[in-house]
Amino acid sequence: MPRAPRRHADEPLLRALALAFPEAHEDFPWGHRAIKVRGKAFVFMSKDEPALSVSVKLPWSAEGALQLPCCEPTHYGLGRSGWVTATFGPKEKAPLDALGSWIEESYRAVAPKRLAGQVAARPAASAPKTRPGAPTRRRPRSSAASRKPARRRQ
């Protein structure tokens, strides 16, 4: 009787995290797992393999991610478009916080704006740090009278 393939312990958790985004669904091209939104992939993941491989589109943090020893530009020319692949051995613990934020960034990069806007912003990571009780500065609005009139073309 054939044994069921062993898979990386973190694979089901990352799969569930990616599928939790609005309109996310699973597809299986080329023997890999692809999580897509409206037909566009935002995560490629190994499927039922002992090692874990996760590829995501990182338009804002690819440069930092590529500094990590587990990351490399995604093959097949996708690396030129900001895709990064992180690979972890069978017994290696994957950094779930980092991978979770990368999956979110990839979803925001690939999903239509209206769907991406439905995803709540991550609290502490993106908020600017200010002193509690400190007044917030606002830029004064310029009045219409102080603006220069547009130049006409002749």
Protein backbone atom coordinates (compact mmCIF):
# COMPACT_ATOMS: atom_id res chain seq x y z
CA MET A 1 0.00 0.00 0.00
CA PRO A 2 1.55 3.38 -1.01
CA ARG A 3 2.32 5.78 1.79
CA ALA A 4 0.65 9.16 1.81
CA PRO A 5 3.17 11.88 0.95
CA ARG A 6 4.53 13.69 4.00
CA ARG A 7 4.12 17.41 3.85
CA HIS A 8 5.77 20.26 5.70
CA ALA A 9 4.06 21.02 9.02
CA ASP A 10 3.51 24.71 8.14
CA GLU A 11 1.91 24.09 4.72
CA PRO A 12 -1.72 23.71 5.92
CA LEU A 13 -1.51 26.87 8.02
CA LEU A 14 -0.11 29.00 5.18
CA ARG A 15 -2.65 27.54 2.76
CA ALA A 16 -5.51 28.46 5.11
CA LEU A 17 -4.08 31.95 5.61
CA ALA A 18 -3.92 32.58 1.84
CA LEU A 19 -7.40 31.17 1.21
CA ALA A 20 -8.87 33.50 3.86
CA PHE A 21 -8.51 36.54 1.58
CA PRO A 22 -11.61 37.75 -0.33
CA GLU A 23 -12.34 35.65 -3.44
CA ALA A 24 -9.15 33.57 -3.03
CA HIS A 25 -9.31 30.09 -4.52
CA GLU A 26 -6.98 27.20 -5.18
CA ASP A 27 -5.71 25.85 -8.48
CA PHE A 28 -3.11 23.16 -9.27
CA PRO A 29 -1.10 24.08 -12.38
CA TRP A 30 2.19 22.28 -13.07
CA GLY A 31 1.82 20.07 -9.97
CA HIS A 32 2.11 23.00 -7.59
CA ARG A 33 -0.52 24.73 -5.50
CA ALA A 34 -1.49 28.20 -6.72
CA ILE A 35 -3.71 30.47 -4.67
CA LYS A 36 -5.45 32.92 -6.98
CA VAL A 37 -7.77 35.89 -6.84
CA ARG A 38 -9.97 36.41 -9.90
CA GLY A 39 -7.75 34.10 -11.94
CA LYS A 40 -4.44 35.79 -11.02
CA ALA A 41 -1.99 33.90 -8.79
CA PHE A 42 -0.69 35.63 -5.68
CA VAL A 43 0.92 32.57 -4.01
CA PHE A 44 2.59 29.48 -5.42
CA MET A 45 3.24 26.77 -2.86
CA SER A 46 4.69 23.27 -2.88
CA LYS A 47 2.01 20.58 -2.71
CA ASP A 48 2.34 17.61 -0.37
CA GLU A 49 6.14 17.66 -0.30
CA PRO A 50 8.39 17.33 2.74
CA ALA A 51 10.11 20.66 2.00
CA LEU A 52 8.11 23.89 1.90
CA SER A 53 8.43 26.31 -1.01
CA VAL A 54 6.40 29.54 -1.10
CA SER A 55 6.54 32.06 -3.96
CA VAL A 56 4.93 35.48 -3.56
CA LYS A 57 4.94 38.80 -5.40
CA LEU A 58 6.66 41.43 -3.22
CA PRO A 59 6.69 44.79 -4.98
CA TRP A 60 7.59 46.68 -1.79
CA SER A 61 9.71 44.29 0.28
CA ALA A 62 11.44 42.00 -2.26
CA GLU A 63 14.81 43.65 -1.77
CA GLY A 64 14.76 43.01 1.98
CA ALA A 65 13.40 39.47 1.59
CA LEU A 66 16.16 38.56 -0.85
CA GLN A 67 18.73 39.31 1.86
CA LEU A 68 17.49 36.26 3.80
CA PRO A 69 19.31 32.95 3.17
CA CYS A 70 16.02 31.10 2.53
CA CYS A 71 14.94 33.43 -0.30
CA GLU A 72 15.81 33.77 -3.97
CA PRO A 73 14.21 35.39 -7.03
CA THR A 74 11.51 33.12 -8.42
CA HIS A 75 12.60 31.18 -11.49
CA TYR A 76 11.04 31.29 -14.98
CA GLY A 77 11.63 35.04 -15.19
CA LEU A 78 9.12 35.88 -12.44
CA GLY A 79 11.91 37.24 -10.23
CA ARG A 80 12.23 40.23 -12.58
CA SER A 81 8.65 41.17 -11.68
CA GLY A 82 9.23 41.10 -7.92
CA TRP A 83 8.40 37.44 -7.24
CA VAL A 84 10.41 35.86 -4.42
CA THR A 85 10.63 32.18 -3.45
CA ALA A 86 11.32 31.11 0.13
CA THR A 87 12.32 27.47 0.70
CA PHE A 88 12.45 25.57 3.99
CA GLY A 89 13.66 22.04 4.71
CA PRO A 90 11.36 19.31 6.06
CA LYS A 91 12.25 19.92 9.70
CA GLU A 92 12.94 23.64 9.38
CA LYS A 93 10.42 25.97 11.04
CA ALA A 94 9.11 28.61 8.64
CA PRO A 95 8.83 32.22 9.92
CA LEU A 96 5.03 32.35 9.83
CA ASP A 97 4.76 36.07 10.72
CA ALA A 98 7.01 37.08 7.82
CA LEU A 99 5.35 34.68 5.39
CA GLY A 100 1.91 35.89 6.48
CA SER A 101 2.81 39.51 5.81
CA TRP A 102 4.38 38.55 2.46
CA ILE A 103 1.22 36.67 1.45
CA GLU A 104 -0.82 39.76 2.35
CA GLU A 105 1.51 42.03 0.37
CA SER A 106 1.27 39.69 -2.60
CA TYR A 107 -2.53 39.65 -2.39
CA ARG A 108 -2.64 43.46 -2.27
CA ALA A 109 -0.31 43.64 -5.29
CA VAL A 110 -2.30 41.20 -7.44
CA ALA A 111 -5.94 41.65 -6.36
CA PRO A 112 -8.16 44.34 -7.87
CA LYS A 113 -8.13 47.53 -5.78
CA ARG A 114 -11.67 47.03 -4.57
CA LEU A 115 -10.88 43.57 -3.17
CA ALA A 116 -7.51 44.63 -1.76
CA GLY A 117 -9.28 47.48 0.04
CA GLN A 118 -11.42 44.95 1.90
CA VAL A 119 -8.36 43.61 3.69
CA ALA A 120 -7.90 45.36 7.01
CA ALA A 121 -4.59 47.16 7.34
CA ARG A 122 -2.12 45.51 9.66
CA PRO A 123 -2.15 47.51 12.91
CA ALA A 124 1.25 48.13 14.47
CA ALA A 125 3.40 47.34 11.45
CA SER A 126 2.21 50.15 9.21
CA ALA A 127 1.19 52.79 11.74
CA PRO A 128 3.71 55.59 12.37
CA LYS A 129 5.09 55.61 15.87
CA THR A 130 4.10 58.68 17.89
CA ARG A 131 4.19 59.59 21.52
CA PRO A 132 0.88 58.82 23.30
CA GLY A 133 -1.09 62.02 23.69
CA ALA A 134 1.10 63.93 21.25
CA PRO A 135 -0.82 66.33 19.01
CA THR A 136 -1.00 65.34 15.38
CA ARG A 137 0.13 67.86 12.82
CA ARG A 138 -2.07 68.72 9.93
CA ARG A 139 -1.06 70.55 6.86
CA PRO A 140 -3.12 73.68 6.42
CA ARG A 141 -5.39 73.55 3.42
CA SER A 142 -4.61 76.03 0.74
CA SER A 143 -7.47 78.22 -0.28
CA ALA A 144 -8.63 78.38 -3.86
CA ALA A 145 -7.71 82.07 -3.96
CA SER A 146 -4.05 81.39 -3.20
CA ARG A 147 -3.66 78.89 -6.05
CA LYS A 148 -2.37 80.10 -9.39
CA PRO A 149 -4.81 79.84 -12.25
CA ALA A 150 -4.03 77.17 -14.84
CA ARG A 151 -2.21 78.39 -17.93
CA ARG A 152 -4.09 78.13 -21.14
CA ARG A 153 -2.55 76.60 -24.22
CA GLN A 154 -2.56 78.68 -27.33
